[in-house]
Amino acid sequence: DNELQAINDVLRLSRGMTYKNAVSG
């Protein structure tokens, strides 16, 4: 809908990848 929504998405998603990759070994 707007750029702020995209920024929030990429911040949450990238943080999630840190945890995903870590817990997956």
mmCIF file of all heavy atoms, coordinates in Angstrom:
data_MODEL
# 
_entry.id   MODEL 
# 
loop_
_atom_site.group_PDB 
_atom_site.id 
_atom_site.type_symbol 
_atom_site.label_atom_id 
_atom_site.label_alt_id 
_atom_site.label_comp_id 
_atom_site.label_asym_id 
_atom_site.label_entity_id 
_atom_site.label_seq_id 
_atom_site.pdbx_PDB_ins_code 
_atom_site.Cartn_x 
_atom_site.Cartn_y 
_atom_site.Cartn_z 
_atom_site.occupancy 
_atom_site.B_iso_or_equiv 
_atom_site.pdbx_formal_charge 
_atom_site.auth_seq_id 
_atom_site.auth_comp_id 
_atom_site.auth_asym_id 
_atom_site.auth_atom_id 
_atom_site.pdbx_PDB_model_num 
ATOM 1   N N   . ASP A 1 1  ? 0.826  -1.211  0.000  1.00 0.00 ? 1  ASP A N   1 
ATOM 2   C CA  . ASP A 1 1  ? 0.000  0.000   0.000  1.00 0.00 ? 1  ASP A CA  1 
ATOM 3   C C   . ASP A 1 1  ? 0.859  1.259   0.000  1.00 0.00 ? 1  ASP A C   1 
ATOM 4   O O   . ASP A 1 1  ? 0.477  2.289   -0.563 1.00 0.00 ? 1  ASP A O   1 
ATOM 5   C CB  . ASP A 1 1  ? -0.928 0.007   1.219  1.00 0.00 ? 1  ASP A CB  1 
ATOM 6   C CG  . ASP A 1 1  ? -1.986 -1.085  1.151  1.00 0.00 ? 1  ASP A CG  1 
ATOM 7   O OD1 . ASP A 1 1  ? -2.291 -1.538  0.026  1.00 0.00 ? 1  ASP A OD1 1 
ATOM 8   O OD2 . ASP A 1 1  ? -2.492 -1.480  2.214  1.00 0.00 ? 1  ASP A OD2 1 
ATOM 9   N N   . ASN A 1 2  ? 2.020  1.181   0.653  1.00 0.00 ? 2  ASN A N   1 
ATOM 10  C CA  . ASN A 1 2  ? 2.924  2.327   0.712  1.00 0.00 ? 2  ASN A CA  1 
ATOM 11  C C   . ASN A 1 2  ? 4.326  1.827   1.058  1.00 0.00 ? 2  ASN A C   1 
ATOM 12  O O   . ASN A 1 2  ? 4.513  0.655   1.418  1.00 0.00 ? 2  ASN A O   1 
ATOM 13  C CB  . ASN A 1 2  ? 2.445  3.362   1.737  1.00 0.00 ? 2  ASN A CB  1 
ATOM 14  C CG  . ASN A 1 2  ? 2.158  2.733   3.093  1.00 0.00 ? 2  ASN A CG  1 
ATOM 15  O OD1 . ASN A 1 2  ? 3.058  2.173   3.731  1.00 0.00 ? 2  ASN A OD1 1 
ATOM 16  N ND2 . ASN A 1 2  ? 0.902  2.807   3.545  1.00 0.00 ? 2  ASN A ND2 1 
ATOM 17  N N   . GLU A 1 3  ? 5.290  2.734   0.960  1.00 0.00 ? 3  GLU A N   1 
ATOM 18  C CA  . GLU A 1 3  ? 6.689  2.355   1.204  1.00 0.00 ? 3  GLU A CA  1 
ATOM 19  C C   . GLU A 1 3  ? 6.936  1.956   2.656  1.00 0.00 ? 3  GLU A C   1 
ATOM 20  O O   . GLU A 1 3  ? 7.743  1.067   2.935  1.00 0.00 ? 3  GLU A O   1 
ATOM 21  C CB  . GLU A 1 3  ? 7.629  3.505   0.821  1.00 0.00 ? 3  GLU A CB  1 
ATOM 22  C CG  . GLU A 1 3  ? 7.854  3.690   -0.659 1.00 0.00 ? 3  GLU A CG  1 
ATOM 23  C CD  . GLU A 1 3  ? 6.721  4.471   -1.329 1.00 0.00 ? 3  GLU A CD  1 
ATOM 24  O OE1 . GLU A 1 3  ? 5.780  4.895   -0.615 1.00 0.00 ? 3  GLU A OE1 1 
ATOM 25  O OE2 . GLU A 1 3  ? 6.784  4.665   -2.566 1.00 0.00 ? 3  GLU A OE2 1 
ATOM 26  N N   . LEU A 1 4  ? 6.228  2.607   3.597  1.00 0.00 ? 4  LEU A N   1 
ATOM 27  C CA  . LEU A 1 4  ? 6.423  2.284   5.008  1.00 0.00 ? 4  LEU A CA  1 
ATOM 28  C C   . LEU A 1 4  ? 6.019  0.847   5.291  1.00 0.00 ? 4  LEU A C   1 
ATOM 29  O O   . LEU A 1 4  ? 6.684  0.136   6.065  1.00 0.00 ? 4  LEU A O   1 
ATOM 30  C CB  . LEU A 1 4  ? 5.619  3.238   5.893  1.00 0.00 ? 4  LEU A CB  1 
ATOM 31  C CG  . LEU A 1 4  ? 5.810  3.075   7.408  1.00 0.00 ? 4  LEU A CG  1 
ATOM 32  C CD1 . LEU A 1 4  ? 7.274  3.261   7.780  1.00 0.00 ? 4  LEU A CD1 1 
ATOM 33  C CD2 . LEU A 1 4  ? 4.924  4.053   8.165  1.00 0.00 ? 4  LEU A CD2 1 
ATOM 34  N N   . GLN A 1 5  ? 4.953  0.389   4.646  1.00 0.00 ? 5  GLN A N   1 
ATOM 35  C CA  . GLN A 1 5  ? 4.529  -0.998  4.801  1.00 0.00 ? 5  GLN A CA  1 
ATOM 36  C C   . GLN A 1 5  ? 5.602  -1.952  4.287  1.00 0.00 ? 5  GLN A C   1 
ATOM 37  O O   . GLN A 1 5  ? 5.887  -2.988  4.905  1.00 0.00 ? 5  GLN A O   1 
ATOM 38  C CB  . GLN A 1 5  ? 3.213  -1.223  4.050  1.00 0.00 ? 5  GLN A CB  1 
ATOM 39  C CG  . GLN A 1 5  ? 2.577  -2.569  4.304  1.00 0.00 ? 5  GLN A CG  1 
ATOM 40  C CD  . GLN A 1 5  ? 1.297  -2.763  3.502  1.00 0.00 ? 5  GLN A CD  1 
ATOM 41  O OE1 . GLN A 1 5  ? 1.336  -2.919  2.284  1.00 0.00 ? 5  GLN A OE1 1 
ATOM 42  N NE2 . GLN A 1 5  ? 0.168  -2.731  4.185  1.00 0.00 ? 5  GLN A NE2 1 
ATOM 43  N N   . ALA A 1 6  ? 6.228  -1.591  3.171  1.00 0.00 ? 6  ALA A N   1 
ATOM 44  C CA  . ALA A 1 6  ? 7.300  -2.415  2.602  1.00 0.00 ? 6  ALA A CA  1 
ATOM 45  C C   . ALA A 1 6  ? 8.513  -2.449  3.534  1.00 0.00 ? 6  ALA A C   1 
ATOM 46  O O   . ALA A 1 6  ? 9.137  -3.501  3.721  1.00 0.00 ? 6  ALA A O   1 
ATOM 47  C CB  . ALA A 1 6  ? 7.702  -1.884  1.234  1.00 0.00 ? 6  ALA A CB  1 
ATOM 48  N N   . ILE A 1 7  ? 8.853  -1.302  4.118  1.00 0.00 ? 7  ILE A N   1 
ATOM 49  C CA  . ILE A 1 7  ? 9.986  -1.242  5.045  1.00 0.00 ? 7  ILE A CA  1 
ATOM 50  C C   . ILE A 1 7  ? 9.730  -2.121  6.262  1.00 0.00 ? 7  ILE A C   1 
ATOM 51  O O   . ILE A 1 7  ? 10.595 -2.902  6.684  1.00 0.00 ? 7  ILE A O   1 
ATOM 52  C CB  . ILE A 1 7  ? 10.249 0.216   5.479  1.00 0.00 ? 7  ILE A CB  1 
ATOM 53  C CG1 . ILE A 1 7  ? 10.746 1.043   4.286  1.00 0.00 ? 7  ILE A CG1 1 
ATOM 54  C CG2 . ILE A 1 7  ? 11.262 0.265   6.627  1.00 0.00 ? 7  ILE A CG2 1 
ATOM 55  C CD1 . ILE A 1 7  ? 10.762 2.533   4.545  1.00 0.00 ? 7  ILE A CD1 1 
ATOM 56  N N   . ASN A 1 8  ? 8.538  -2.006  6.830  1.00 0.00 ? 8  ASN A N   1 
ATOM 57  C CA  . ASN A 1 8  ? 8.202  -2.822  7.996  1.00 0.00 ? 8  ASN A CA  1 
ATOM 58  C C   . ASN A 1 8  ? 8.285  -4.308  7.667  1.00 0.00 ? 8  ASN A C   1 
ATOM 59  O O   . ASN A 1 8  ? 8.754  -5.121  8.478  1.00 0.00 ? 8  ASN A O   1 
ATOM 60  C CB  . ASN A 1 8  ? 6.793  -2.480  8.492  1.00 0.00 ? 8  ASN A CB  1 
ATOM 61  C CG  . ASN A 1 8  ? 6.719  -1.117  9.147  1.00 0.00 ? 8  ASN A CG  1 
ATOM 62  O OD1 . ASN A 1 8  ? 7.724  -0.612  9.646  1.00 0.00 ? 8  ASN A OD1 1 
ATOM 63  N ND2 . ASN A 1 8  ? 5.552  -0.505  9.154  1.00 0.00 ? 8  ASN A ND2 1 
ATOM 64  N N   . ASP A 1 9  ? 7.844  -4.662  6.455  1.00 0.00 ? 9  ASP A N   1 
ATOM 65  C CA  . ASP A 1 9  ? 7.874  -6.060  6.038  1.00 0.00 ? 9  ASP A CA  1 
ATOM 66  C C   . ASP A 1 9  ? 9.309  -6.567  5.932  1.00 0.00 ? 9  ASP A C   1 
ATOM 67  O O   . ASP A 1 9  ? 9.638  -7.641  6.446  1.00 0.00 ? 9  ASP A O   1 
ATOM 68  C CB  . ASP A 1 9  ? 7.147  -6.225  4.700  1.00 0.00 ? 9  ASP A CB  1 
ATOM 69  C CG  . ASP A 1 9  ? 6.622  -7.646  4.482  1.00 0.00 ? 9  ASP A CG  1 
ATOM 70  O OD1 . ASP A 1 9  ? 6.381  -8.345  5.478  1.00 0.00 ? 9  ASP A OD1 1 
ATOM 71  O OD2 . ASP A 1 9  ? 6.425  -8.034  3.318  1.00 0.00 ? 9  ASP A OD2 1 
ATOM 72  N N   . VAL A 1 10 ? 10.169 -5.795  5.288  1.00 0.00 ? 10 VAL A N   1 
ATOM 73  C CA  . VAL A 1 10 ? 11.541 -6.269  5.093  1.00 0.00 ? 10 VAL A CA  1 
ATOM 74  C C   . VAL A 1 10 ? 12.299 -6.326  6.418  1.00 0.00 ? 10 VAL A C   1 
ATOM 75  O O   . VAL A 1 10 ? 13.140 -7.213  6.624  1.00 0.00 ? 10 VAL A O   1 
ATOM 76  C CB  . VAL A 1 10 ? 12.283 -5.390  4.056  1.00 0.00 ? 10 VAL A CB  1 
ATOM 77  C CG1 . VAL A 1 10 ? 12.792 -4.092  4.650  1.00 0.00 ? 10 VAL A CG1 1 
ATOM 78  C CG2 . VAL A 1 10 ? 13.440 -6.157  3.425  1.00 0.00 ? 10 VAL A CG2 1 
ATOM 79  N N   . LEU A 1 11 ? 11.996 -5.426  7.350  1.00 0.00 ? 11 LEU A N   1 
ATOM 80  C CA  . LEU A 1 11 ? 12.656 -5.467  8.652  1.00 0.00 ? 11 LEU A CA  1 
ATOM 81  C C   . LEU A 1 11 ? 12.244 -6.724  9.424  1.00 0.00 ? 11 LEU A C   1 
ATOM 82  O O   . LEU A 1 11 ? 13.082 -7.428  9.999  1.00 0.00 ? 11 LEU A O   1 
ATOM 83  C CB  . LEU A 1 11 ? 12.325 -4.209  9.464  1.00 0.00 ? 11 LEU A CB  1 
ATOM 84  C CG  . LEU A 1 11 ? 12.946 -2.903  8.976  1.00 0.00 ? 11 LEU A CG  1 
ATOM 85  C CD1 . LEU A 1 11 ? 12.480 -1.728  9.846  1.00 0.00 ? 11 LEU A CD1 1 
ATOM 86  C CD2 . LEU A 1 11 ? 14.461 -2.962  8.956  1.00 0.00 ? 11 LEU A CD2 1 
ATOM 87  N N   . ARG A 1 12 ? 10.959 -7.021  9.433  1.00 0.00 ? 12 ARG A N   1 
ATOM 88  C CA  . ARG A 1 12 ? 10.480 -8.203  10.144 1.00 0.00 ? 12 ARG A CA  1 
ATOM 89  C C   . ARG A 1 12 ? 10.969 -9.492  9.469  1.00 0.00 ? 12 ARG A C   1 
ATOM 90  O O   . ARG A 1 12 ? 11.392 -10.438 10.133 1.00 0.00 ? 12 ARG A O   1 
ATOM 91  C CB  . ARG A 1 12 ? 8.951  -8.208  10.200 1.00 0.00 ? 12 ARG A CB  1 
ATOM 92  C CG  . ARG A 1 12 ? 8.337  -7.136  11.083 1.00 0.00 ? 12 ARG A CG  1 
ATOM 93  C CD  . ARG A 1 12 ? 6.862  -7.427  11.328 1.00 0.00 ? 12 ARG A CD  1 
ATOM 94  N NE  . ARG A 1 12 ? 6.701  -8.586  12.197 1.00 0.00 ? 12 ARG A NE  1 
ATOM 95  C CZ  . ARG A 1 12 ? 5.531  -9.205  12.398 1.00 0.00 ? 12 ARG A CZ  1 
ATOM 96  N NH1 . ARG A 1 12 ? 4.444  -8.796  11.770 1.00 0.00 ? 12 ARG A NH1 1 
ATOM 97  N NH2 . ARG A 1 12 ? 5.456  -10.252 13.204 1.00 0.00 ? 12 ARG A NH2 1 
ATOM 98  N N   . LEU A 1 13 ? 10.911 -9.512  8.153  1.00 0.00 ? 13 LEU A N   1 
ATOM 99  C CA  . LEU A 1 13 ? 11.300 -10.720 7.420  1.00 0.00 ? 13 LEU A CA  1 
ATOM 100 C C   . LEU A 1 13 ? 12.791 -11.016 7.570  1.00 0.00 ? 13 LEU A C   1 
ATOM 101 O O   . LEU A 1 13 ? 13.191 -12.172 7.731  1.00 0.00 ? 13 LEU A O   1 
ATOM 102 C CB  . LEU A 1 13 ? 10.936 -10.580 5.945  1.00 0.00 ? 13 LEU A CB  1 
ATOM 103 C CG  . LEU A 1 13 ? 9.441  -10.627 5.613  1.00 0.00 ? 13 LEU A CG  1 
ATOM 104 C CD1 . LEU A 1 13 ? 9.201  -10.170 4.177  1.00 0.00 ? 13 LEU A CD1 1 
ATOM 105 C CD2 . LEU A 1 13 ? 8.874  -12.014 5.840  1.00 0.00 ? 13 LEU A CD2 1 
ATOM 106 N N   . SER A 1 14 ? 13.617 -9.980  7.502  1.00 0.00 ? 14 SER A N   1 
ATOM 107 C CA  . SER A 1 14 ? 15.069 -10.196 7.608  1.00 0.00 ? 14 SER A CA  1 
ATOM 108 C C   . SER A 1 14 ? 15.451 -10.646 9.014  1.00 0.00 ? 14 SER A C   1 
ATOM 109 O O   . SER A 1 14 ? 16.325 -11.512 9.190  1.00 0.00 ? 14 SER A O   1 
ATOM 110 C CB  . SER A 1 14 ? 15.834 -8.931  7.216  1.00 0.00 ? 14 SER A CB  1 
ATOM 111 O OG  . SER A 1 14 ? 15.404 -7.812  7.970  1.00 0.00 ? 14 SER A OG  1 
ATOM 112 N N   . ARG A 1 15 ? 14.802 -10.095 10.014 1.00 0.00 ? 15 ARG A N   1 
ATOM 113 C CA  . ARG A 1 15 ? 15.040 -10.553 11.391 1.00 0.00 ? 15 ARG A CA  1 
ATOM 114 C C   . ARG A 1 15 ? 14.610 -12.014 11.523 1.00 0.00 ? 15 ARG A C   1 
ATOM 115 O O   . ARG A 1 15 ? 15.307 -12.828 12.146 1.00 0.00 ? 15 ARG A O   1 
ATOM 116 C CB  . ARG A 1 15 ? 14.257 -9.689  12.386 1.00 0.00 ? 15 ARG A CB  1 
ATOM 117 C CG  . ARG A 1 15 ? 14.366 -10.153 13.840 1.00 0.00 ? 15 ARG A CG  1 
ATOM 118 C CD  . ARG A 1 15 ? 13.563 -9.222  14.753 1.00 0.00 ? 15 ARG A CD  1 
ATOM 119 N NE  . ARG A 1 15 ? 13.590 -9.678  16.142 1.00 0.00 ? 15 ARG A NE  1 
ATOM 120 C CZ  . ARG A 1 15 ? 12.710 -10.513 16.676 1.00 0.00 ? 15 ARG A CZ  1 
ATOM 121 N NH1 . ARG A 1 15 ? 11.741 -11.021 15.917 1.00 0.00 ? 15 ARG A NH1 1 
ATOM 122 N NH2 . ARG A 1 15 ? 12.785 -10.858 17.940 1.00 0.00 ? 15 ARG A NH2 1 
ATOM 123 N N   . GLY A 1 16 ? 13.481 -12.346 10.937 1.00 0.00 ? 16 GLY A N   1 
ATOM 124 C CA  . GLY A 1 16 ? 13.010 -13.723 10.975 1.00 0.00 ? 16 GLY A CA  1 
ATOM 125 C C   . GLY A 1 16 ? 13.995 -14.692 10.343 1.00 0.00 ? 16 GLY A C   1 
ATOM 126 O O   . GLY A 1 16 ? 14.153 -15.833 10.805 1.00 0.00 ? 16 GLY A O   1 
ATOM 127 N N   . MET A 1 17 ? 14.681 -14.245 9.282  1.00 0.00 ? 17 MET A N   1 
ATOM 128 C CA  . MET A 1 17 ? 15.664 -15.107 8.626  1.00 0.00 ? 17 MET A CA  1 
ATOM 129 C C   . MET A 1 17 ? 16.868 -15.364 9.527  1.00 0.00 ? 17 MET A C   1 
ATOM 130 O O   . MET A 1 17 ? 17.451 -16.458 9.503  1.00 0.00 ? 17 MET A O   1 
ATOM 131 C CB  . MET A 1 17 ? 16.123 -14.488 7.306  1.00 0.00 ? 17 MET A CB  1 
ATOM 132 C CG  . MET A 1 17 ? 15.090 -14.522 6.192  1.00 0.00 ? 17 MET A CG  1 
ATOM 133 S SD  . MET A 1 17 ? 14.442 -16.177 5.819  1.00 0.00 ? 17 MET A SD  1 
ATOM 134 C CE  . MET A 1 17 ? 15.948 -17.074 5.458  1.00 0.00 ? 17 MET A CE  1 
ATOM 135 N N   . THR A 1 18 ? 17.259 -14.386 10.330 1.00 0.00 ? 18 THR A N   1 
ATOM 136 C CA  . THR A 1 18 ? 18.346 -14.605 11.281 1.00 0.00 ? 18 THR A CA  1 
ATOM 137 C C   . THR A 1 18 ? 18.001 -15.752 12.220 1.00 0.00 ? 18 THR A C   1 
ATOM 138 O O   . THR A 1 18 ? 18.802 -16.670 12.444 1.00 0.00 ? 18 THR A O   1 
ATOM 139 C CB  . THR A 1 18 ? 18.618 -13.326 12.102 1.00 0.00 ? 18 THR A CB  1 
ATOM 140 O OG1 . THR A 1 18 ? 19.142 -12.316 11.238 1.00 0.00 ? 18 THR A OG1 1 
ATOM 141 C CG2 . THR A 1 18 ? 19.622 -13.586 13.218 1.00 0.00 ? 18 THR A CG2 1 
ATOM 142 N N   . TYR A 1 19 ? 16.797 -15.713 12.761 1.00 0.00 ? 19 TYR A N   1 
ATOM 143 C CA  . TYR A 1 19 ? 16.357 -16.739 13.702 1.00 0.00 ? 19 TYR A CA  1 
ATOM 144 C C   . TYR A 1 19 ? 16.154 -18.076 12.989 1.00 0.00 ? 19 TYR A C   1 
ATOM 145 O O   . TYR A 1 19 ? 16.497 -19.138 13.532 1.00 0.00 ? 19 TYR A O   1 
ATOM 146 C CB  . TYR A 1 19 ? 15.077 -16.293 14.402 1.00 0.00 ? 19 TYR A CB  1 
ATOM 147 C CG  . TYR A 1 19 ? 15.319 -15.270 15.487 1.00 0.00 ? 19 TYR A CG  1 
ATOM 148 C CD1 . TYR A 1 19 ? 15.546 -13.939 15.183 1.00 0.00 ? 19 TYR A CD1 1 
ATOM 149 C CD2 . TYR A 1 19 ? 15.350 -15.645 16.823 1.00 0.00 ? 19 TYR A CD2 1 
ATOM 150 C CE1 . TYR A 1 19 ? 15.782 -12.998 16.169 1.00 0.00 ? 19 TYR A CE1 1 
ATOM 151 C CE2 . TYR A 1 19 ? 15.586 -14.718 17.823 1.00 0.00 ? 19 TYR A CE2 1 
ATOM 152 C CZ  . TYR A 1 19 ? 15.801 -13.390 17.492 1.00 0.00 ? 19 TYR A CZ  1 
ATOM 153 O OH  . TYR A 1 19 ? 16.052 -12.470 18.482 1.00 0.00 ? 19 TYR A OH  1 
ATOM 154 N N   . LYS A 1 20 ? 15.591 -18.034 11.800 1.00 0.00 ? 20 LYS A N   1 
ATOM 155 C CA  . LYS A 1 20 ? 15.361 -19.257 11.040 1.00 0.00 ? 20 LYS A CA  1 
ATOM 156 C C   . LYS A 1 20 ? 16.675 -19.972 10.735 1.00 0.00 ? 20 LYS A C   1 
ATOM 157 O O   . LYS A 1 20 ? 16.804 -21.181 10.972 1.00 0.00 ? 20 LYS A O   1 
ATOM 158 C CB  . LYS A 1 20 ? 14.635 -18.944 9.731  1.00 0.00 ? 20 LYS A CB  1 
ATOM 159 C CG  . LYS A 1 20 ? 14.373 -20.158 8.854  1.00 0.00 ? 20 LYS A CG  1 
ATOM 160 C CD  . LYS A 1 20 ? 13.779 -19.766 7.507  1.00 0.00 ? 20 LYS A CD  1 
ATOM 161 C CE  . LYS A 1 20 ? 12.433 -19.120 7.636  1.00 0.00 ? 20 LYS A CE  1 
ATOM 162 N NZ  . LYS A 1 20 ? 11.766 -18.927 6.320  1.00 0.00 ? 20 LYS A NZ  1 
ATOM 163 N N   . ASN A 1 21 ? 17.646 -19.241 10.223 1.00 0.00 ? 21 ASN A N   1 
ATOM 164 C CA  . ASN A 1 21 ? 18.923 -19.848 9.871  1.00 0.00 ? 21 ASN A CA  1 
ATOM 165 C C   . ASN A 1 21 ? 19.661 -20.346 11.112 1.00 0.00 ? 21 ASN A C   1 
ATOM 166 O O   . ASN A 1 21 ? 20.327 -21.392 11.074 1.00 0.00 ? 21 ASN A O   1 
ATOM 167 C CB  . ASN A 1 21 ? 19.783 -18.842 9.102  1.00 0.00 ? 21 ASN A CB  1 
ATOM 168 C CG  . ASN A 1 21 ? 19.211 -18.512 7.737  1.00 0.00 ? 21 ASN A CG  1 
ATOM 169 O OD1 . ASN A 1 21 ? 18.481 -19.308 7.156  1.00 0.00 ? 21 ASN A OD1 1 
ATOM 170 N ND2 . ASN A 1 21 ? 19.526 -17.333 7.217  1.00 0.00 ? 21 ASN A ND2 1 
ATOM 171 N N   . ALA A 1 22 ? 19.533 -19.602 12.202 1.00 0.00 ? 22 ALA A N   1 
ATOM 172 C CA  . ALA A 1 22 ? 20.223 -19.998 13.434 1.00 0.00 ? 22 ALA A CA  1 
ATOM 173 C C   . ALA A 1 22 ? 19.624 -21.268 14.018 1.00 0.00 ? 22 ALA A C   1 
ATOM 174 O O   . ALA A 1 22 ? 20.354 -22.216 14.348 1.00 0.00 ? 22 ALA A O   1 
ATOM 175 C CB  . ALA A 1 22 ? 20.157 -18.867 14.456 1.00 0.00 ? 22 ALA A CB  1 
ATOM 176 N N   . VAL A 1 23 ? 18.305 -21.322 14.163 1.00 0.00 ? 23 VAL A N   1 
ATOM 177 C CA  . VAL A 1 23 ? 17.677 -22.473 14.794 1.00 0.00 ? 23 VAL A CA  1 
ATOM 178 C C   . VAL A 1 23 ? 17.766 -23.711 13.902 1.00 0.00 ? 23 VAL A C   1 
ATOM 179 O O   . VAL A 1 23 ? 17.685 -24.848 14.401 1.00 0.00 ? 23 VAL A O   1 
ATOM 180 C CB  . VAL A 1 23 ? 16.203 -22.153 15.149 1.00 0.00 ? 23 VAL A CB  1 
ATOM 181 C CG1 . VAL A 1 23 ? 15.284 -22.300 13.959 1.00 0.00 ? 23 VAL A CG1 1 
ATOM 182 C CG2 . VAL A 1 23 ? 15.716 -23.004 16.320 1.00 0.00 ? 23 VAL A CG2 1 
ATOM 183 N N   . SER A 1 24 ? 17.969 -23.499 12.596 1.00 0.00 ? 24 SER A N   1 
ATOM 184 C CA  . SER A 1 24 ? 18.101 -24.623 11.661 1.00 0.00 ? 24 SER A CA  1 
ATOM 185 C C   . SER A 1 24 ? 19.522 -25.163 11.602 1.00 0.00 ? 24 SER A C   1 
ATOM 186 O O   . SER A 1 24 ? 19.785 -26.133 10.884 1.00 0.00 ? 24 SER A O   1 
ATOM 187 C CB  . SER A 1 24 ? 17.665 -24.194 10.255 1.00 0.00 ? 24 SER A CB  1 
ATOM 188 O OG  . SER A 1 24 ? 16.316 -23.770 10.248 1.00 0.00 ? 24 SER A OG  1 
ATOM 189 N N   . GLY A 1 25 ? 20.439 -24.526 12.326 1.00 0.00 ? 25 GLY A N   1 
ATOM 190 C CA  . GLY A 1 25 ? 21.823 -25.009 12.362 1.00 0.00 ? 25 GLY A CA  1 
ATOM 191 C C   . GLY A 1 25 ? 22.620 -24.652 11.125 1.00 0.00 ? 25 GLY A C   1 
ATOM 192 O O   . GLY A 1 25 ? 23.647 -25.295 10.838 1.00 0.00 ? 25 GLY A O   1 
# 
